[in-house]
């Protein structure tokens, strides 16, 4: 009798452990630990996930391993992704759902090195730095639209080409390369924004696999709500949020510049507010989805339109 009870207890505990593991959300931000993901760290640190009944494990990727790889391999249930990439991946059959849109603007800019360049048209046949990753696609489509015939010079994550004068301009993110360029003595250089040239599409959103969403819809919604709460808290408490970010970076053994992370946090929070709005907005704009679809269809990057209902799993 005792043996049977022991077997039943082991079976129950095993089932409980497997069920708990299945409902656990493994979340992989698209880069190593930094202020770009501050709201999620806040939600974890302040207990927002726990209070919502969600067991969230944040597993960072590395510079050589895309977060999307973790999602496709089943290592992760949720990742952050640019709207541009999400539409592209959904068109290719990757079954993901946007549960929270954390950015309302593009962080992409073009930082000019050659002072004779005053606008986008002046980049015609110039040498311009560009990332080796998939961040480069939007820049290439702008090149085609404006018929610039740019000579793209690829880099991984360095501003050395810009500093040395080997290029005439470079693609950059407002929260990353722009900081390092200006910190290197190039504070007064012309910056061409995506809004200025008509390509201001929302960047990051929180995406979860449809499989997890359909199995645990309440958990998925609680995850999104708690994540939004983390970002809202970050807006209200930026100094405390910075300390949380630095704590996470130290734990992950990621080198941190306090000033850079402060800059990144400010830029990330600013991107969450729509034009002329002071408060963050965490909804996806149908207008921007439509505009981005037209761009991708025009250049043959997607085969068919991916509408907002499909992105949001409705």
Protein backbone atom coordinates (compact mmCIF):
# COMPACT_ATOMS: atom_id res chain seq x y z
CA UNK A 1 0.00 0.00 0.00
CA UNK A 2 2.85 2.32 0.94
CA UNK A 3 4.55 1.57 -2.38
CA UNK A 4 1.37 2.43 -4.32
CA UNK A 5 1.02 5.71 -2.43
CA UNK A 6 4.64 6.49 -3.18
CA UNK A 7 4.12 5.81 -6.90
CA UNK A 8 0.98 7.98 -6.93
CA UNK A 9 2.84 10.79 -5.18
CA UNK A 10 5.74 10.62 -7.64
CA UNK A 11 3.30 10.58 -10.56
CA UNK A 12 1.45 13.59 -9.19
CA UNK A 13 4.64 15.56 -8.56
CA UNK A 14 5.96 14.72 -12.02
CA UNK A 15 2.70 15.82 -13.64
CA UNK A 16 2.70 19.01 -11.56
CA UNK A 17 6.29 19.81 -12.53
CA UNK A 18 5.67 19.19 -16.23
CA UNK A 19 2.47 21.23 -16.18
CA UNK A 20 4.21 24.12 -14.43
CA UNK A 21 7.08 23.98 -16.92
CA UNK A 22 4.63 23.95 -19.82
CA UNK A 23 2.90 27.08 -18.54
CA UNK A 24 6.19 28.84 -17.89
CA UNK A 25 6.88 31.61 -20.38
CA UNK A 26 10.46 31.67 -21.60
CA UNK A 27 11.04 35.16 -22.96
CA UNK A 28 14.04 36.11 -25.10
CA UNK A 29 14.69 39.79 -25.87
CA UNK A 30 16.30 40.37 -29.27
CA UNK A 31 19.67 41.41 -27.85
CA UNK A 32 21.86 41.16 -24.78
CA UNK A 33 20.77 42.83 -21.52
CA UNK A 34 20.36 46.62 -21.80
CA UNK A 35 17.91 49.48 -21.22
CA UNK A 36 16.11 48.66 -24.47
CA UNK A 37 14.25 45.97 -22.46
CA UNK A 38 13.89 47.88 -19.21
CA UNK A 39 10.14 47.39 -18.79
CA UNK A 40 10.48 43.62 -18.71
CA UNK A 41 13.21 43.79 -16.08
CA UNK A 42 11.00 46.08 -14.01
CA UNK A 43 8.05 43.68 -14.29
CA UNK A 44 10.31 40.89 -13.04
CA UNK A 45 12.03 42.89 -10.29
CA UNK A 46 8.87 44.57 -8.96
CA UNK A 47 6.91 41.32 -8.92
CA UNK A 48 4.38 42.32 -11.57
CA UNK A 49 4.69 38.97 -13.33
CA UNK A 50 4.36 37.09 -10.05
CA UNK A 51 1.33 39.15 -9.02
CA UNK A 52 -0.29 38.35 -12.38
CA UNK A 53 0.27 34.63 -11.81
CA UNK A 54 2.80 34.34 -14.61
CA UNK A 55 6.07 32.44 -14.32
CA UNK A 56 8.37 34.33 -16.69
CA UNK A 57 11.98 33.35 -17.32
CA UNK A 58 14.03 35.96 -19.20
CA UNK A 59 16.76 34.27 -21.23
CA UNK A 60 18.93 36.66 -23.22
CA UNK A 61 20.38 35.78 -26.56
CA UNK A 62 23.95 36.48 -27.63
CA UNK A 63 25.35 38.72 -30.34
CA UNK A 64 25.80 35.66 -32.56
CA UNK A 65 22.41 34.00 -31.97
CA UNK A 66 19.15 35.68 -33.01
CA UNK A 67 16.18 35.61 -30.64
CA UNK A 68 14.11 34.31 -33.57
CA UNK A 69 16.27 31.17 -33.60
CA UNK A 70 15.24 30.52 -29.99
CA UNK A 71 11.59 30.90 -30.94
CA UNK A 72 11.81 28.64 -33.99
CA UNK A 73 13.70 25.94 -32.08
CA UNK A 74 11.17 25.94 -29.26
CA UNK A 75 13.61 27.26 -26.65
CA UNK A 76 11.49 30.40 -26.19
CA UNK A 77 7.78 31.15 -26.17
CA UNK A 78 8.09 34.90 -26.62
CA UNK A 79 10.53 37.39 -28.12
CA UNK A 80 10.79 41.06 -29.03
CA UNK A 81 10.77 41.86 -32.72
CA UNK A 82 10.55 44.85 -35.05
CA UNK A 83 7.16 45.24 -36.77
CA UNK A 84 9.04 45.17 -40.06
CA UNK A 85 10.53 41.75 -39.25
CA UNK A 86 7.27 40.43 -37.79
CA UNK A 87 5.31 41.11 -40.99
CA UNK A 88 8.07 39.50 -43.02
CA UNK A 89 8.23 36.40 -40.79
CA UNK A 90 4.44 35.97 -40.63
CA UNK A 91 4.32 36.10 -44.42
CA UNK A 92 6.94 33.33 -44.48
CA UNK A 93 4.82 31.14 -42.20
CA UNK A 94 6.21 31.88 -38.72
CA UNK A 95 3.12 31.65 -36.48
CA UNK A 96 3.51 34.51 -34.00
CA UNK A 97 1.11 37.01 -32.42
CA UNK A 98 1.73 40.58 -31.30
CA UNK A 99 0.45 40.90 -27.72
CA UNK A 100 2.00 44.29 -26.90
CA UNK A 101 3.39 47.04 -29.14
CA UNK A 102 6.11 48.74 -27.13
CA UNK A 103 7.37 51.18 -29.78
CA UNK A 104 5.51 53.76 -31.85
CA UNK A 105 8.46 55.12 -33.84
CA UNK A 106 11.52 53.95 -35.69
CA UNK A 107 14.85 54.19 -33.91
CA UNK A 108 16.67 54.11 -37.26
CA UNK A 109 18.46 57.26 -38.37
CA UNK A 110 21.20 58.20 -40.83
CA UNK A 111 24.10 60.10 -39.27
CA UNK A 112 25.99 62.19 -41.81
CA UNK A 113 29.83 62.34 -41.77
CA UNK A 114 30.39 64.41 -44.94
CA UNK A 115 29.12 67.93 -44.19
CA UNK A 116 28.14 68.48 -47.85
CA UNK A 117 25.24 66.06 -47.31
CA UNK A 118 22.17 68.09 -46.34
CA UNK A 119 19.29 65.72 -47.16
CA UNK A 120 18.48 62.18 -48.27
CA UNK A 121 18.99 62.99 -51.96
CA UNK A 122 22.59 64.03 -51.25
CA UNK A 123 23.40 60.42 -50.34
CA UNK A 124 23.32 59.45 -54.02
CA UNK A 125 26.28 57.14 -54.77
CA UNK A 126 27.79 57.82 -51.34
CA UNK A 127 29.48 55.29 -49.07
CA UNK A 128 27.15 54.52 -46.17
CA UNK A 129 27.70 52.20 -43.22
CA UNK A 130 25.09 49.53 -42.58
CA UNK A 131 24.62 46.62 -40.18
CA UNK A 132 25.45 43.11 -41.31
CA UNK A 133 22.23 41.86 -39.64
CA UNK A 134 18.65 42.06 -40.91
CA UNK A 135 18.50 45.67 -39.67
CA UNK A 136 19.77 46.60 -43.14
CA UNK A 137 16.63 45.77 -45.14
CA UNK A 138 14.72 49.00 -44.46
CA UNK A 139 17.76 51.08 -45.46
CA UNK A 140 18.08 49.18 -48.73
CA UNK A 141 14.41 49.79 -49.58
CA UNK A 142 14.86 53.51 -48.93
CA UNK A 143 17.84 53.39 -51.27
CA UNK A 144 15.66 51.82 -53.99
CA UNK A 145 12.75 54.23 -53.48
CA UNK A 146 14.97 57.30 -53.74
CA UNK A 147 17.17 55.75 -56.49
CA UNK A 148 20.31 56.64 -54.57
CA UNK A 149 22.59 53.82 -55.75
CA UNK A 150 24.35 53.87 -52.35
CA UNK A 151 27.56 51.89 -51.81
CA UNK A 152 26.79 50.05 -48.61
CA UNK A 153 29.70 49.29 -46.29
CA UNK A 154 28.78 46.63 -43.74
CA UNK A 155 29.71 46.65 -40.06
CA UNK A 156 28.71 44.46 -37.12
CA UNK A 157 28.44 46.82 -34.14
CA UNK A 158 31.12 49.46 -34.43
CA UNK A 159 31.41 53.15 -35.29
CA UNK A 160 35.07 52.87 -36.34
CA UNK A 161 34.25 53.35 -40.02
CA UNK A 162 32.42 56.56 -39.20
CA UNK A 163 35.10 57.94 -36.90
CA UNK A 164 37.90 57.19 -39.37
CA UNK A 165 36.07 58.96 -42.20
CA UNK A 166 36.00 55.80 -44.32
CA UNK A 167 32.28 56.39 -45.01
CA UNK A 168 30.18 59.44 -45.85
CA UNK A 169 27.35 58.54 -43.47
CA UNK A 170 26.09 55.62 -41.44
CA UNK A 171 22.86 53.96 -40.42
CA UNK A 172 22.44 54.13 -36.66
CA UNK A 173 19.97 53.58 -33.84
CA UNK A 174 19.09 56.64 -31.77
CA UNK A 175 19.67 54.72 -28.54
CA UNK A 176 22.95 53.09 -29.54
CA UNK A 177 25.30 54.23 -32.31
CA UNK A 178 24.12 57.86 -32.11
CA UNK A 179 25.26 57.97 -28.49
CA UNK A 180 28.71 56.60 -29.29
CA UNK A 181 29.16 58.87 -32.31
CA UNK A 182 28.27 61.99 -30.34
CA UNK A 183 30.41 60.85 -27.40
CA UNK A 184 33.34 60.62 -29.82
CA UNK A 185 33.20 64.33 -30.65
CA UNK A 186 30.68 64.44 -33.50
CA UNK A 187 27.83 66.18 -31.65
CA UNK A 188 26.86 68.62 -34.41
CA UNK A 189 26.55 66.27 -37.37
CA UNK A 190 23.35 66.16 -39.45
CA UNK A 191 20.96 63.35 -38.51
CA UNK A 192 18.33 62.26 -41.03
CA UNK A 193 15.36 60.70 -39.22
CA UNK A 194 12.91 58.19 -40.65
CA UNK A 195 10.05 60.59 -39.91
CA UNK A 196 11.78 63.25 -42.03
CA UNK A 197 11.87 61.00 -45.11
CA UNK A 198 8.56 59.15 -44.61
CA UNK A 199 9.66 55.80 -43.18
CA UNK A 200 8.78 56.16 -39.51
CA UNK A 201 7.41 52.69 -38.77
CA UNK A 202 7.01 51.31 -35.22
CA UNK A 203 9.95 49.25 -34.05
CA UNK A 204 9.64 46.71 -31.27
CA UNK A 205 6.68 44.72 -30.10
CA UNK A 206 6.23 41.69 -27.85
CA UNK A 207 5.45 38.53 -29.80
CA UNK A 208 4.40 35.10 -28.57
CA UNK A 209 3.89 31.84 -30.42
CA UNK A 210 0.32 31.13 -31.47
CA UNK A 211 0.72 27.64 -30.00
CA UNK A 212 1.34 29.03 -26.51
CA UNK A 213 -1.32 31.70 -26.92
CA UNK A 214 -3.98 29.15 -27.82
CA UNK A 215 -2.98 26.74 -25.03
CA UNK A 216 -2.73 29.38 -22.31
CA UNK A 217 -4.61 32.51 -23.43
CA UNK A 218 -5.05 33.82 -19.88
CA UNK A 219 -1.33 33.45 -19.16
CA UNK A 220 -0.42 35.18 -22.42
CA UNK A 221 -2.69 38.13 -21.69
CA UNK A 222 -1.42 38.34 -18.11
CA UNK A 223 2.15 38.36 -19.46
CA UNK A 224 1.31 41.26 -21.78
CA UNK A 225 -0.52 43.21 -19.07
CA UNK A 226 2.29 42.80 -16.54
CA UNK A 227 4.88 43.76 -19.17
CA UNK A 228 2.92 46.93 -19.97
CA UNK A 229 2.74 47.70 -16.26
CA UNK A 230 6.53 47.34 -16.11
CA UNK A 231 6.98 49.87 -18.90
CA UNK A 232 4.49 52.28 -17.33
CA UNK A 233 6.40 52.08 -14.05
CA UNK A 234 9.63 52.76 -15.96
CA UNK A 235 8.13 55.97 -17.35
CA UNK A 236 7.19 57.10 -13.86
CA UNK A 237 10.46 56.02 -12.19
CA UNK A 238 13.32 56.36 -14.72
CA UNK A 239 16.10 56.62 -12.13
CA UNK A 240 15.00 53.51 -10.25
CA UNK A 241 14.51 51.73 -13.58
CA UNK A 242 18.10 52.51 -14.59
CA UNK A 243 19.33 50.89 -11.38
CA UNK A 244 17.30 47.76 -12.16
CA UNK A 245 18.78 47.64 -15.69
CA UNK A 246 22.34 47.97 -14.40
CA UNK A 247 21.65 45.23 -11.87
CA UNK A 248 20.48 42.88 -14.63
CA UNK A 249 23.47 43.74 -16.82
CA UNK A 250 25.84 43.01 -13.96
CA UNK A 251 24.14 39.67 -13.35
CA UNK A 252 24.38 38.84 -17.07
CA UNK A 253 28.03 40.00 -17.09
CA UNK A 254 27.37 42.55 -19.80
CA UNK A 255 29.71 45.59 -19.68
CA UNK A 256 27.71 48.72 -18.91
CA UNK A 257 28.22 52.44 -19.33
CA UNK A 258 25.83 54.16 -16.96
CA UNK A 259 25.56 57.25 -19.19
CA UNK A 260 24.89 55.13 -22.28
CA UNK A 261 22.20 53.10 -20.53
CA UNK A 262 20.59 56.29 -19.24
CA UNK A 263 20.58 57.66 -22.82
CA UNK A 264 19.18 54.38 -24.16
CA UNK A 265 16.42 54.30 -21.56
CA UNK A 266 15.37 57.86 -22.38
CA UNK A 267 15.31 57.16 -26.13
CA UNK A 268 13.42 53.89 -25.67
CA UNK A 269 10.76 55.54 -23.49
CA UNK A 270 10.41 58.44 -25.94
CA UNK A 271 9.74 56.00 -28.79
CA UNK A 272 6.76 54.64 -26.86
CA UNK A 273 4.88 57.96 -27.11
CA UNK A 274 3.09 58.89 -30.30
CA UNK A 275 3.52 62.36 -31.78
CA UNK A 276 2.40 65.18 -29.45
CA UNK A 277 1.51 62.66 -26.72
CA UNK A 278 3.19 62.66 -23.32
CA UNK A 279 2.05 59.22 -22.23
CA UNK A 280 3.15 55.89 -23.73
CA UNK A 281 0.89 54.07 -26.15
CA UNK A 282 1.04 50.28 -26.33
CA UNK A 283 -1.32 49.63 -29.23
CA UNK A 284 -0.45 48.78 -32.81
CA UNK A 285 -1.34 51.40 -35.42
CA UNK A 286 -3.38 50.01 -38.30
CA UNK A 287 -2.27 52.95 -40.44
CA UNK A 288 1.40 52.08 -39.93
CA UNK A 289 0.75 48.40 -40.61
CA UNK A 290 -0.92 49.34 -43.90
CA UNK A 291 1.97 51.64 -44.90
CA UNK A 292 4.58 49.00 -44.11
CA UNK A 293 2.69 46.35 -46.07
CA UNK A 294 2.64 48.61 -49.12
CA UNK A 295 6.40 49.13 -48.88
CA UNK A 296 7.18 45.42 -48.52
CA UNK A 297 4.75 44.40 -51.28
CA UNK A 298 6.10 47.06 -53.62
CA UNK A 299 9.59 45.63 -53.33
CA UNK A 300 8.55 41.97 -53.33
CA UNK A 301 9.70 41.36 -49.75
CA UNK A 302 6.38 39.68 -48.89
CA UNK A 303 4.03 37.70 -51.11
CA UNK A 304 0.73 38.87 -49.65
CA UNK A 305 -0.62 41.48 -47.31
CA UNK A 306 -0.36 40.77 -43.58
CA UNK A 307 -3.13 42.78 -41.95
CA UNK A 308 -3.34 43.91 -38.34
CA UNK A 309 -5.89 41.21 -37.42
CA UNK A 310 -3.46 38.51 -38.54
CA UNK A 311 -0.60 40.12 -36.60
CA UNK A 312 -2.73 40.24 -33.46
CA UNK A 313 -4.10 36.72 -33.92
CA UNK A 314 -7.72 37.76 -34.37
